[in-house]
């Protein structure tokens, strides 16, 4: 035990050498007497550190909205009036198979009730990930071994940990825009590292050239030079490459990956690959879909092909997306040629452990080769079906979209639906996106503005399609209401194709048509989720432009302001 000032006895503290008659003892007596005389109302609240205060201010009212979206999630059988979340990358397509498998395969050992089998994770999980990475899907140049990887509760926590060791506070990391908005939270929250978006000079960053050969590095030299000039004393430390890309849904060519390696070597940078959607590629024949397959960074001989020291290369992945296990919180980090980084991360890895049950269940999937093979194939087929449905819906309503062959989402162009004004006031560009986001949420469907991903085109939104059949159809119906579009009925052949997309509905026994119609009546919307949070987040600008904090304009401005500091959409 230690003696703290608040618990010093009135007659001194002999343990610290404070005698009863000493000046320190007199001071303690005076402080104690003063505290006894103070009324309870004069007690002072302790302050947070400057870091704590900064983190507190990041939790805007939007976070409460985001939390309510998760709490009130649509389910055809249990919560048909809930919010259809098409703004977050959850994959619901294999729920029934996963739950059945887990009910039959949870096998724990005595060591699972202890601190585990390694100081740095679980040897069982290490072996499972080695099997995963040493498969044809990744085709590593040399086998991945347990000493070359670490695990943690998801890719986000691992990125936080990685950049604690790769960069100093206020250093920069280059990322081609548009990019996953969670990178900004993961890198800045504690490491205080800045994501530097690199915009395309050939288009909006979704064009094929941004994923092929030398043109994939469009703008990197100029962006790095400009950032360094504007941030004297700071450095660009790394490049992050998301492959397959979120939110674009494309894979990079081998020559593009090699160009990234050459750039990293030229500028003495680390090269971090996020391969969280490695197995989430699919083939569709409904449009001019990209055909480039996924190529892992592990399959490239960086020294030979790119003239790049292999110690610069690091790969992250997770069970979250490819296996539909966001809730398991299992991620992995691989660095095959950088012992120093692995050693540094071991010092902090005890803060990032994976729970034993999640570890055991995920390892069971990897080691059951039959289930694993069928799971990946079925998941890809269902993703293609869902993508076909959503893109047919887009074409029916003349809504432009970016064709994709990877990931759980598609970028759609909703610019023509953006309101120009509210309550007679002209809206700025970012306010127009906020207004449409709020309108969708009023209709109980959540979508994500492209500005969250640094997409340069106002009006682009990311739409997740890997929902179960009832949720996907209901989400599109509610989005039609938000956009004032006539209802589209999916063709019969699409309905038949989607029979395998069970989602929340059990495989045994489809619902009767009457039940289906009843459960899919659009819920009445009497109160917007935005209202409560907006009431506490009306900016000074909103108050100056409109005296009524209950006006539609004020709520739009508040929604726009909240979106600037939203938690990641995943």
Protein backbone atom coordinates (compact mmCIF):
# COMPACT_ATOMS: atom_id res chain seq x y z
CA UNK A 1 0.00 0.00 0.00
CA UNK A 2 1.08 3.59 -0.55
CA UNK A 3 0.28 6.66 1.47
CA UNK A 4 -1.41 9.37 -0.61
CA UNK A 5 -1.98 12.95 0.64
CA UNK A 6 -5.71 12.43 0.96
CA UNK A 7 -5.23 9.60 3.43
CA UNK A 8 -2.49 11.09 5.57
CA UNK A 9 -3.44 10.85 9.27
CA UNK A 10 -3.82 14.11 11.17
CA UNK A 11 -0.92 13.19 13.48
CA UNK A 12 1.53 12.78 10.62
CA UNK A 13 2.61 9.87 8.48
CA UNK A 14 5.53 8.01 10.05
CA UNK A 15 5.84 5.78 6.97
CA UNK A 16 6.97 8.85 4.99
CA UNK A 17 8.92 10.41 7.85
CA UNK A 18 6.35 13.13 8.60
CA UNK A 19 6.46 13.82 12.33
CA UNK A 20 3.39 15.13 14.23
CA UNK A 21 5.03 18.50 14.87
CA UNK A 22 6.68 18.99 11.49
CA UNK A 23 5.61 21.73 8.99
CA UNK A 24 4.28 19.05 6.68
CA UNK A 25 2.17 17.66 9.54
CA UNK A 26 0.81 21.14 10.30
CA UNK A 27 -0.10 21.65 6.65
CA UNK A 28 -1.90 18.31 6.59
CA UNK A 29 -3.81 19.25 9.73
CA UNK A 30 -4.84 22.58 8.21
CA UNK A 31 -5.99 20.90 4.94
CA UNK A 32 -8.01 18.32 6.87
CA UNK A 33 -9.68 20.95 9.04
CA UNK A 34 -10.51 23.06 5.97
CA UNK A 35 -12.11 20.08 4.24
CA UNK A 36 -14.24 19.42 7.32
CA UNK A 37 -15.55 22.99 7.26
CA UNK A 38 -16.35 23.03 3.52
CA UNK A 39 -19.96 22.39 2.56
CA UNK A 40 -20.57 19.49 0.17
CA UNK A 41 -21.55 21.96 -2.51
CA UNK A 42 -18.03 23.41 -2.63
CA UNK A 43 -16.34 20.13 -3.52
CA UNK A 44 -14.42 20.42 -6.76
CA UNK A 45 -14.68 17.99 -9.65
CA UNK A 46 -11.28 16.60 -10.65
CA UNK A 47 -10.02 17.59 -14.08
CA UNK A 48 -9.07 15.29 -16.94
CA UNK A 49 -5.66 15.39 -18.51
CA UNK A 50 -5.27 17.38 -21.72
CA UNK A 51 -5.35 14.08 -23.59
CA UNK A 52 -8.51 13.03 -21.80
CA UNK A 53 -10.18 16.36 -22.54
CA UNK A 54 -9.29 16.06 -26.22
CA UNK A 55 -10.80 12.57 -26.39
CA UNK A 56 -13.93 13.72 -24.54
CA UNK A 57 -14.51 16.46 -27.11
CA UNK A 58 -14.37 13.93 -29.95
CA UNK A 59 -17.51 12.21 -28.65
CA UNK A 60 -20.05 14.40 -30.40
CA UNK A 61 -23.83 13.87 -30.30
CA UNK A 62 -23.48 11.85 -33.51
CA UNK A 63 -21.97 9.05 -31.45
CA UNK A 64 -25.24 8.71 -29.56
CA UNK A 65 -27.09 8.50 -32.88
CA UNK A 66 -24.66 5.87 -34.15
CA UNK A 67 -25.13 3.95 -30.92
CA UNK A 68 -28.92 4.06 -31.28
CA UNK A 69 -28.64 2.83 -34.88
CA UNK A 70 -26.81 -0.23 -33.58
CA UNK A 71 -29.22 -0.72 -30.68
CA UNK A 72 -32.31 -0.44 -32.88
CA UNK A 73 -31.18 -2.69 -35.73
CA UNK A 74 -33.85 -4.01 -38.10
CA UNK A 75 -34.77 -7.68 -37.86
CA UNK A 76 -37.66 -9.06 -39.90
CA UNK A 77 -38.89 -11.27 -37.06
CA UNK A 78 -37.82 -9.49 -33.87
CA UNK A 79 -37.67 -5.80 -34.73
CA UNK A 80 -39.33 -4.99 -38.08
CA UNK A 81 -39.60 -1.32 -37.12
CA UNK A 82 -35.87 -1.01 -36.47
CA UNK A 83 -33.30 0.85 -38.54
CA UNK A 84 -31.93 -0.87 -41.64
CA UNK A 85 -28.20 -0.22 -41.40
CA UNK A 86 -26.79 0.06 -44.91
CA UNK A 87 -24.04 2.36 -43.73
CA UNK A 88 -21.80 -0.11 -41.90
CA UNK A 89 -19.92 -3.06 -43.42
CA UNK A 90 -21.53 -5.99 -41.66
CA UNK A 91 -21.89 -9.23 -43.61
CA UNK A 92 -25.10 -11.02 -42.60
CA UNK A 93 -25.18 -13.48 -45.52
CA UNK A 94 -23.74 -16.48 -43.66
CA UNK A 95 -25.33 -15.98 -40.24
CA UNK A 96 -27.27 -19.25 -40.19
CA UNK A 97 -24.29 -21.38 -41.20
CA UNK A 98 -21.97 -19.69 -38.73
CA UNK A 99 -24.31 -19.99 -35.77
CA UNK A 100 -24.97 -23.65 -36.54
CA UNK A 101 -21.24 -24.35 -36.82
CA UNK A 102 -20.41 -22.56 -33.58
CA UNK A 103 -23.17 -24.32 -31.65
CA UNK A 104 -21.56 -27.62 -32.62
CA UNK A 105 -17.85 -26.74 -32.39
CA UNK A 106 -17.14 -24.76 -29.22
CA UNK A 107 -14.48 -26.80 -27.46
CA UNK A 108 -12.55 -25.15 -24.64
CA UNK A 109 -9.54 -26.47 -22.75
CA UNK A 110 -8.33 -25.74 -19.21
CA UNK A 111 -5.75 -23.32 -20.61
CA UNK A 112 -8.62 -21.23 -22.01
CA UNK A 113 -9.57 -20.33 -18.44
CA UNK A 114 -6.07 -19.02 -17.70
CA UNK A 115 -3.92 -16.26 -19.17
CA UNK A 116 -3.38 -18.52 -22.16
CA UNK A 117 -0.52 -20.28 -23.91
CA UNK A 118 1.65 -17.27 -24.79
CA UNK A 119 2.53 -13.87 -23.41
CA UNK A 120 1.68 -12.42 -26.82
CA UNK A 121 -1.53 -14.21 -27.75
CA UNK A 122 -2.64 -17.79 -28.30
CA UNK A 123 -0.49 -20.46 -29.92
CA UNK A 124 -3.71 -22.05 -31.23
CA UNK A 125 -4.70 -18.81 -32.95
CA UNK A 126 -1.16 -18.31 -34.27
CA UNK A 127 -1.27 -21.74 -35.91
CA UNK A 128 -4.72 -21.04 -37.38
CA UNK A 129 -3.61 -17.77 -38.95
CA UNK A 130 -0.47 -19.38 -40.34
CA UNK A 131 -2.68 -21.98 -42.04
CA UNK A 132 -4.89 -19.16 -43.30
CA UNK A 133 -2.01 -17.13 -44.75
CA UNK A 134 -0.18 -20.12 -46.21
CA UNK A 135 -3.18 -20.98 -48.38
CA UNK A 136 -3.46 -20.38 -52.14
CA UNK A 137 -5.57 -17.25 -51.49
CA UNK A 138 -2.44 -15.46 -50.22
CA UNK A 139 0.32 -17.60 -51.83
CA UNK A 140 3.16 -16.17 -49.73
CA UNK A 141 6.67 -16.14 -51.18
CA UNK A 142 7.82 -17.82 -48.00
CA UNK A 143 5.60 -19.50 -45.40
CA UNK A 144 4.23 -17.34 -42.59
CA UNK A 145 5.41 -18.65 -39.21
CA UNK A 146 4.07 -17.94 -35.70
CA UNK A 147 7.06 -15.77 -34.76
CA UNK A 148 6.19 -13.38 -37.62
CA UNK A 149 2.71 -12.47 -36.47
CA UNK A 150 0.73 -11.07 -33.57
CA UNK A 151 -2.99 -10.98 -32.90
CA UNK A 152 -5.31 -8.42 -31.36
CA UNK A 153 -8.99 -7.49 -31.00
CA UNK A 154 -9.56 -6.38 -34.59
CA UNK A 155 -7.60 -4.47 -37.20
CA UNK A 156 -8.42 -1.10 -35.66
CA UNK A 157 -6.63 -1.85 -32.40
CA UNK A 158 -3.69 -3.34 -34.30
CA UNK A 159 -3.36 -0.24 -36.48
CA UNK A 160 -3.39 1.85 -33.32
CA UNK A 161 -0.61 -0.32 -31.96
CA UNK A 162 1.42 -0.45 -35.18
CA UNK A 163 1.57 3.31 -35.60
CA UNK A 164 2.55 3.78 -31.99
CA UNK A 165 5.79 2.15 -33.12
CA UNK A 166 6.13 3.39 -36.72
CA UNK A 167 5.49 7.11 -36.32
CA UNK A 168 5.81 9.95 -33.84
CA UNK A 169 3.00 12.30 -32.86
CA UNK A 170 1.89 14.60 -35.71
CA UNK A 171 3.76 12.63 -38.38
CA UNK A 172 1.86 11.81 -41.56
CA UNK A 173 0.76 8.68 -43.42
CA UNK A 174 -0.16 8.79 -47.12
CA UNK A 175 -3.37 7.06 -48.27
CA UNK A 176 -5.00 7.16 -51.70
CA UNK A 177 -8.44 8.81 -51.52
CA UNK A 178 -11.16 7.80 -51.15
CA UNK A 179 -10.25 5.62 -48.18
CA UNK A 180 -11.82 3.87 -45.19
CA UNK A 181 -12.67 6.57 -42.66
CA UNK A 182 -11.72 4.34 -39.73
CA UNK A 183 -8.05 4.85 -40.59
CA UNK A 184 -8.27 8.40 -39.26
CA UNK A 185 -9.69 7.26 -35.93
CA UNK A 186 -7.31 4.30 -35.64
CA UNK A 187 -4.17 6.34 -36.34
CA UNK A 188 -5.04 9.57 -34.55
CA UNK A 189 -6.85 8.46 -31.40
CA UNK A 190 -3.75 7.71 -29.31
CA UNK A 191 -0.76 7.77 -31.67
CA UNK A 192 -1.83 11.20 -32.94
CA UNK A 193 -0.70 10.38 -36.48
CA UNK A 194 -2.29 12.25 -39.38
CA UNK A 195 -3.81 10.53 -42.41
CA UNK A 196 -2.85 12.48 -45.54
CA UNK A 197 -5.33 11.92 -48.40
CA UNK A 198 -3.84 11.65 -51.88
CA UNK A 199 -6.38 12.69 -54.51
CA UNK A 200 -6.42 11.53 -58.10
CA UNK A 201 -5.76 14.01 -60.90
CA UNK A 202 -7.48 11.62 -63.35
CA UNK A 203 -10.91 11.41 -61.73
CA UNK A 204 -12.46 10.76 -58.34
CA UNK A 205 -10.05 7.98 -57.32
CA UNK A 206 -12.39 5.13 -58.26
CA UNK A 207 -11.21 4.87 -61.89
CA UNK A 208 -9.31 1.76 -63.02
CA UNK A 209 -6.10 3.74 -63.56
CA UNK A 210 -5.89 4.43 -59.80
CA UNK A 211 -5.48 0.68 -59.24
CA UNK A 212 -3.15 -0.16 -62.12
CA UNK A 213 0.62 0.19 -62.57
CA UNK A 214 2.38 3.51 -62.14
CA UNK A 215 -0.85 5.52 -62.34
CA UNK A 216 -1.89 4.05 -58.98
CA UNK A 217 0.69 6.41 -57.45
CA UNK A 218 -1.02 9.46 -58.96
CA UNK A 219 -0.36 12.52 -56.85
CA UNK A 220 1.78 10.81 -54.19
CA UNK A 221 5.00 12.71 -54.91
CA UNK A 222 3.29 16.10 -55.01
CA UNK A 223 1.14 15.44 -51.94
CA UNK A 224 4.10 14.33 -49.85
CA UNK A 225 6.15 17.34 -50.93
CA UNK A 226 3.34 19.80 -50.17
CA UNK A 227 2.58 18.24 -46.77
CA UNK A 228 6.23 18.34 -45.67
CA UNK A 229 6.47 22.00 -46.66
CA UNK A 230 3.38 22.77 -44.59
CA UNK A 231 4.54 20.71 -41.58
CA UNK A 232 8.17 21.62 -40.83
CA UNK A 233 9.77 19.27 -38.35
CA UNK A 234 7.35 16.41 -39.12
CA UNK A 235 7.81 13.44 -41.40
CA UNK A 236 5.78 11.21 -43.67
CA UNK A 237 6.41 7.78 -42.14
CA UNK A 238 4.35 5.30 -44.13
CA UNK A 239 1.88 4.53 -46.88
CA UNK A 240 -1.30 2.58 -46.10
CA UNK A 241 -2.81 0.50 -48.92
CA UNK A 242 -6.28 -1.01 -48.52
CA UNK A 243 -6.47 -3.99 -50.88
CA UNK A 244 -9.23 -4.83 -51.77
CA UNK A 245 -10.17 -1.21 -51.37
CA UNK A 246 -12.78 0.16 -49.01
CA UNK A 247 -14.93 2.02 -50.09
CA UNK A 248 -14.22 1.56 -53.83
CA UNK A 249 -14.45 -2.24 -53.95
CA UNK A 250 -11.55 -2.77 -56.36
CA UNK A 251 -8.35 -4.82 -56.18
CA UNK A 252 -4.91 -3.51 -57.16
CA UNK A 253 -2.91 -5.06 -59.97
CA UNK A 254 0.42 -6.66 -59.18
CA UNK A 255 2.25 -3.88 -61.04
CA UNK A 256 0.46 -1.26 -58.89
CA UNK A 257 1.55 -2.99 -55.68
CA UNK A 258 5.12 -3.12 -56.98
CA UNK A 259 5.00 0.62 -57.71
CA UNK A 260 3.96 1.23 -54.10
CA UNK A 261 7.01 -0.75 -52.99
CA UNK A 262 9.33 1.30 -55.18
CA UNK A 263 7.84 4.53 -53.83
CA UNK A 264 8.28 3.34 -50.22
CA UNK A 265 11.93 2.47 -50.82
CA UNK A 266 12.64 5.78 -52.59
CA UNK A 267 11.25 7.81 -49.68
CA UNK A 268 12.28 5.50 -46.81
CA UNK A 269 8.71 4.67 -45.79
CA UNK A 270 6.92 1.73 -44.23
CA UNK A 271 4.26 0.10 -46.41
CA UNK A 272 1.22 -1.17 -44.49
CA UNK A 273 -1.33 -3.34 -46.30
CA UNK A 274 -4.88 -3.73 -45.00
CA UNK A 275 -6.12 -6.99 -46.56
CA UNK A 276 -9.27 -7.34 -44.48
CA UNK A 277 -11.44 -8.08 -47.58
CA UNK A 278 -9.03 -10.59 -49.14
CA UNK A 279 -11.61 -13.38 -49.48
CA UNK A 280 -14.58 -11.08 -50.11
CA UNK A 281 -14.28 -10.98 -53.90
CA UNK A 282 -17.04 -12.14 -56.24
CA UNK A 283 -18.04 -12.41 -59.89
CA UNK A 284 -21.13 -10.78 -61.30
CA UNK A 285 -22.47 -10.66 -64.85
CA UNK A 286 -24.94 -7.83 -64.31
CA UNK A 287 -22.60 -5.01 -65.40
CA UNK A 288 -19.07 -4.18 -66.54
CA UNK A 289 -17.58 -5.35 -63.28
CA UNK A 290 -13.83 -5.11 -62.61
CA UNK A 291 -12.07 -8.43 -63.18
CA UNK A 292 -8.82 -7.90 -61.28
CA UNK A 293 -8.48 -10.64 -58.62
CA UNK A 294 -6.99 -10.08 -55.19
CA UNK A 295 -3.19 -10.30 -54.96
CA UNK A 296 -1.67 -10.38 -51.49
CA UNK A 297 1.39 -8.38 -50.54
CA UNK A 298 2.74 -11.64 -49.10
CA UNK A 299 2.97 -13.10 -52.61
CA UNK A 300 5.41 -10.48 -53.92
CA UNK A 301 9.20 -10.74 -53.76
CA UNK A 302 9.67 -7.11 -52.82
CA UNK A 303 13.45 -6.98 -53.07
CA UNK A 304 13.49 -8.52 -56.56
CA UNK A 305 10.32 -7.06 -58.09
CA UNK A 306 10.25 -3.59 -56.51
CA UNK A 307 13.79 -3.01 -55.26
CA UNK A 308 12.21 -2.57 -51.84
CA UNK A 309 13.62 -3.82 -48.55
CA UNK A 310 11.11 -6.45 -47.31
CA UNK A 311 11.36 -5.10 -43.74
CA UNK A 312 9.18 -2.20 -44.92
CA UNK A 313 6.24 -4.52 -45.62
CA UNK A 314 3.51 -5.24 -43.05
CA UNK A 315 0.10 -6.89 -43.53
CA UNK A 316 -3.06 -6.71 -41.43
CA UNK A 317 -6.21 -8.77 -41.70
CA UNK A 318 -9.10 -9.91 -39.56
CA UNK A 319 -11.97 -12.34 -39.11
CA UNK A 320 -14.41 -9.44 -39.21
CA UNK A 321 -15.20 -9.07 -42.91
CA UNK A 322 -14.24 -12.26 -44.78
CA UNK A 323 -15.89 -14.41 -42.11
CA UNK A 324 -18.74 -12.12 -41.03
CA UNK A 325 -17.38 -11.99 -37.48
CA UNK A 326 -17.18 -8.29 -36.58
CA UNK A 327 -18.25 -9.13 -33.04
CA UNK A 328 -15.48 -11.66 -32.44
CA UNK A 329 -12.81 -8.93 -32.45
CA UNK A 330 -9.99 -11.00 -33.94
CA UNK A 331 -7.28 -9.33 -36.01
CA UNK A 332 -3.77 -10.24 -37.06
CA UNK A 333 -0.57 -8.43 -37.99
CA UNK A 334 2.20 -10.01 -40.07
CA UNK A 335 5.72 -8.67 -40.57
CA UNK A 336 7.98 -11.38 -41.95
CA UNK A 337 11.21 -9.42 -42.14
CA UNK A 338 11.13 -6.83 -39.36
CA UNK A 339 12.06 -8.41 -36.03
CA UNK A 340 12.45 -4.99 -34.40
CA UNK A 341 8.83 -4.09 -35.06
CA UNK A 342 7.54 -7.46 -33.87
CA UNK A 343 9.63 -7.07 -30.71
CA UNK A 344 8.31 -3.53 -30.11
CA UNK A 345 4.72 -4.67 -30.56
CA UNK A 346 5.23 -7.50 -28.10
CA UNK A 347 5.79 -4.85 -25.44
CA UNK A 348 2.25 -3.55 -25.96
CA UNK A 349 0.50 -6.73 -27.10
CA UNK A 350 -0.66 -7.61 -23.57
CA UNK A 351 -3.13 -4.72 -23.94
CA UNK A 352 -4.57 -6.28 -27.10
CA UNK A 353 -5.42 -9.89 -26.25
CA UNK A 354 -8.16 -11.94 -27.96
CA UNK A 355 -10.67 -13.81 -25.77
CA UNK A 356 -10.34 -17.60 -25.60
CA UNK A 357 -13.86 -18.50 -26.86
CA UNK A 358 -13.50 -16.30 -29.96
CA UNK A 359 -10.02 -17.71 -30.52
CA UNK A 360 -11.28 -21.31 -30.25
CA UNK A 361 -14.24 -20.82 -32.58
CA UNK A 362 -12.31 -19.02 -35.31
CA UNK A 363 -9.52 -21.60 -35.20
CA UNK A 364 -12.17 -24.32 -35.61
CA UNK A 365 -13.34 -22.69 -38.87
CA UNK A 366 -9.82 -22.51 -40.27
CA UNK A 367 -8.96 -26.10 -39.42
CA UNK A 368 -12.23 -27.55 -40.76
CA UNK A 369 -11.15 -27.53 -44.40
CA UNK A 370 -14.50 -28.71 -45.78
CA UNK A 371 -16.54 -26.11 -43.95
CA UNK A 372 -14.00 -23.38 -44.72
CA UNK A 373 -14.00 -24.18 -48.45
CA UNK A 374 -17.80 -24.29 -48.69
CA UNK A 375 -18.16 -21.18 -46.54
CA UNK A 376 -15.94 -19.04 -48.78
CA UNK A 377 -17.61 -20.27 -51.98
CA UNK A 378 -21.16 -19.81 -50.68
CA UNK A 379 -20.38 -16.39 -49.25
CA UNK A 380 -19.01 -15.23 -52.60
CA UNK A 381 -22.06 -16.53 -54.45
CA UNK A 382 -24.44 -14.74 -52.06
CA UNK A 383 -22.43 -11.53 -52.30
CA UNK A 384 -22.77 -11.66 -56.09
CA UNK A 385 -26.55 -12.15 -55.77
CA UNK A 386 -26.92 -9.24 -53.38
CA UNK A 387 -24.72 -7.02 -55.56
CA UNK A 388 -26.82 -7.92 -58.62
CA UNK A 389 -30.01 -6.94 -56.79
CA UNK A 390 -28.70 -3.57 -55.60
CA UNK A 391 -27.22 -2.65 -58.98
CA UNK A 392 -30.48 -3.60 -60.75
CA UNK A 393 -32.26 -1.30 -58.32
CA UNK A 394 -29.78 1.47 -59.16
CA UNK A 395 -30.23 1.03 -62.91
CA UNK A 396 -34.03 0.96 -62.55
CA UNK A 397 -33.91 4.35 -60.83
CA UNK A 398 -31.14 5.73 -63.11
CA UNK A 399 -28.80 6.04 -60.14
CA UNK A 400 -25.15 5.92 -61.11
CA UNK A 401 -22.80 3.62 -59.22
CA UNK A 402 -19.20 2.42 -59.28
CA UNK A 403 -19.00 -1.23 -60.42
CA UNK A 404 -17.17 -3.41 -57.91
CA UNK A 405 -15.96 -6.98 -57.44
CA UNK A 406 -14.87 -6.89 -53.80
CA UNK A 407 -16.13 -5.79 -50.42
CA UNK A 408 -19.59 -5.48 -48.93
CA UNK A 409 -20.67 -2.19 -50.48
CA UNK A 410 -21.09 -0.09 -53.57
CA UNK A 411 -20.64 3.64 -54.11
CA UNK A 412 -23.80 5.26 -55.48
CA UNK A 413 -24.30 8.75 -56.90
CA UNK A 414 -27.20 10.49 -55.15
CA UNK A 415 -26.19 14.02 -56.11
CA UNK A 416 -29.46 14.75 -57.89
CA UNK A 417 -31.37 14.04 -54.68
CA UNK A 418 -29.39 16.50 -52.54
CA UNK A 419 -31.59 19.39 -51.36
CA UNK A 420 -30.43 22.86 -52.45
CA UNK A 421 -32.13 24.71 -49.64
CA UNK A 422 -34.02 24.22 -46.41
CA UNK A 423 -36.43 26.75 -44.92
CA UNK A 424 -35.53 29.15 -47.75
CA UNK A 425 -31.81 29.09 -46.93
CA UNK A 426 -29.23 27.93 -49.45
CA UNK A 427 -27.19 24.97 -48.25
CA UNK A 428 -23.44 24.58 -48.62
CA UNK A 429 -22.19 21.43 -50.35
CA UNK A 430 -21.36 19.53 -47.16
CA UNK A 431 -24.68 20.59 -45.65
CA UNK A 432 -26.54 19.08 -48.61
CA UNK A 433 -25.04 15.66 -47.88
CA UNK A 434 -25.90 16.05 -44.21
CA UNK A 435 -29.50 16.88 -45.12
CA UNK A 436 -29.89 13.76 -47.25
CA UNK A 437 -28.25 11.57 -44.60
CA UNK A 438 -30.72 12.92 -42.02
CA UNK A 439 -33.64 12.38 -44.42
CA UNK A 440 -32.67 8.73 -44.90
CA UNK A 441 -32.39 8.26 -41.17
CA UNK A 442 -35.87 9.72 -40.70
CA UNK A 443 -37.05 6.88 -42.93
CA UNK A 444 -35.27 4.36 -40.72
CA UNK A 445 -32.42 3.55 -43.13
CA UNK A 446 -28.77 4.47 -42.54
CA UNK A 447 -26.33 5.20 -45.38
CA UNK A 448 -22.87 6.77 -45.29
CA UNK A 449 -21.85 10.01 -47.10
CA UNK A 450 -18.83 9.69 -49.37
CA UNK A 451 -17.28 12.75 -47.74
CA UNK A 452 -16.62 10.51 -44.74
CA UNK A 453 -14.22 8.58 -46.98
CA UNK A 454 -12.61 11.71 -48.45
CA UNK A 455 -14.49 11.12 -51.69
CA UNK A 456 -14.14 14.33 -53.73
CA UNK A 457 -17.58 14.15 -55.38
CA UNK A 458 -20.41 15.59 -53.29
CA UNK A 459 -23.46 13.34 -53.32
CA UNK A 460 -21.65 10.01 -53.37
CA UNK A 461 -22.81 7.58 -50.67
CA UNK A 462 -21.59 4.11 -49.69
CA UNK A 463 -24.34 1.49 -49.64
CA UNK A 464 -23.80 -1.88 -47.94
CA UNK A 465 -25.51 -4.77 -49.76
CA UNK A 466 -24.41 -7.79 -47.67
CA UNK A 467 -27.63 -7.81 -45.68
CA UNK A 468 -30.07 -10.67 -45.31
CA UNK A 469 -32.86 -10.76 -47.89
CA UNK A 470 -35.59 -9.10 -45.77
CA UNK A 471 -33.31 -6.30 -44.57
CA UNK A 472 -31.90 -5.59 -48.04
CA UNK A 473 -35.31 -5.32 -49.69
CA UNK A 474 -36.69 -3.27 -46.82
CA UNK A 475 -33.67 -0.97 -46.83
CA UNK A 476 -34.04 -0.25 -50.54
CA UNK A 477 -37.76 0.39 -50.05
CA UNK A 478 -37.11 2.89 -47.27
CA UNK A 479 -34.39 4.57 -49.31
CA UNK A 480 -36.93 5.00 -52.11
CA UNK A 481 -39.19 6.79 -49.64
CA UNK A 482 -36.34 9.06 -48.56
CA UNK A 483 -35.50 9.89 -52.19
CA UNK A 484 -39.19 10.25 -53.22
CA UNK A 485 -38.88 7.41 -55.74
CA UNK A 486 -41.61 5.03 -56.83
CA UNK A 487 -41.33 1.59 -55.29
CA UNK A 488 -39.41 -1.01 -57.31
CA UNK A 489 -40.39 -4.66 -57.08
CA UNK A 490 -37.56 -7.10 -57.59
CA UNK A 491 -38.12 -9.37 -60.62
CA UNK A 492 -39.19 -12.93 -59.89
CA UNK A 493 -35.84 -14.37 -60.98
CA UNK A 494 -34.04 -12.16 -58.46
CA UNK A 495 -36.35 -13.31 -55.70
CA UNK A 496 -35.59 -16.93 -56.64
CA UNK A 497 -31.83 -16.31 -56.83
CA UNK A 498 -31.90 -14.74 -53.38
CA UNK A 499 -33.46 -17.77 -51.71
CA UNK A 500 -30.01 -18.64 -50.41
CA UNK A 501 -29.59 -15.25 -48.75
CA UNK A 502 -31.30 -16.23 -45.55
CA UNK A 503 -29.98 -13.46 -43.35
CA UNK A 504 -32.19 -13.25 -40.28
CA UNK A 505 -34.73 -15.72 -41.71
CA UNK A 506 -34.20 -19.42 -40.88
CA UNK A 507 -33.67 -21.69 -43.85
CA UNK A 508 -36.61 -23.89 -42.87
CA UNK A 509 -40.01 -22.51 -43.87
CA UNK A 510 -40.35 -19.20 -45.71
CA UNK A 511 -42.91 -16.76 -44.37
CA UNK A 512 -46.32 -16.66 -45.98
CA UNK A 513 -46.98 -13.69 -48.25
CA UNK A 514 -49.45 -12.15 -45.81
CA UNK A 515 -46.94 -12.33 -42.97
CA UNK A 516 -44.27 -10.87 -45.21
CA UNK A 517 -46.45 -7.92 -46.22
CA UNK A 518 -47.41 -7.30 -42.61
CA UNK A 519 -43.88 -7.32 -41.34
CA UNK A 520 -42.70 -5.02 -44.13
CA UNK A 521 -45.16 -2.20 -43.60
CA UNK A 522 -43.05 0.90 -43.36
CA UNK A 523 -42.89 2.03 -39.72
CA UNK A 524 -44.43 5.37 -38.93
CA UNK A 525 -41.79 8.03 -38.43
CA UNK A 526 -42.84 10.56 -35.86
CA UNK A 527 -39.48 11.62 -34.43
CA UNK A 528 -36.14 11.84 -36.18
CA UNK A 529 -33.14 10.27 -34.47
CA UNK A 530 -31.30 13.43 -35.40
CA UNK A 531 -33.61 15.68 -33.39
CA UNK A 532 -32.48 14.80 -29.88
CA UNK A 533 -28.78 15.02 -30.67
CA UNK A 534 -29.21 18.10 -32.84
CA UNK A 535 -30.87 19.95 -30.00
CA UNK A 536 -27.61 19.81 -28.06
CA UNK A 537 -25.38 20.42 -31.07
CA UNK A 538 -26.77 23.50 -32.79
CA UNK A 539 -23.72 25.46 -33.88
CA UNK A 540 -23.28 29.20 -33.56
CA UNK A 541 -23.56 29.37 -37.35
CA UNK A 542 -26.94 27.67 -37.21
CA UNK A 543 -28.17 30.04 -34.53
CA UNK A 544 -27.05 33.07 -36.51
CA UNK A 545 -28.73 31.83 -39.70
CA UNK A 546 -31.97 30.75 -38.06
CA UNK A 547 -33.21 31.74 -34.64
CA UNK A 548 -35.32 28.61 -34.22
CA UNK A 549 -33.29 25.62 -33.04
CA UNK A 550 -36.24 23.41 -33.98
CA UNK A 551 -36.19 24.45 -37.65
CA UNK A 552 -35.29 22.02 -40.41
CA UNK A 553 -32.29 24.20 -41.32
CA UNK A 554 -30.85 24.06 -37.82
CA UNK A 555 -31.18 20.29 -37.75
CA UNK A 556 -29.42 19.99 -41.12
CA UNK A 557 -26.55 22.18 -39.95
CA UNK A 558 -26.29 20.17 -36.75
CA UNK A 559 -26.31 16.90 -38.70
CA UNK A 560 -23.54 18.19 -40.97
CA UNK A 561 -21.45 19.25 -38.00
CA UNK A 562 -21.97 15.90 -36.28
CA UNK A 563 -20.94 13.96 -39.38
CA UNK A 564 -17.53 15.62 -39.30
CA UNK A 565 -16.66 13.74 -36.09
CA UNK A 566 -18.60 10.53 -36.52
CA UNK A 567 -17.12 7.24 -35.39
CA UNK A 568 -15.92 5.00 -38.21
CA UNK A 569 -18.48 3.41 -40.50
CA UNK A 570 -16.36 0.30 -40.98
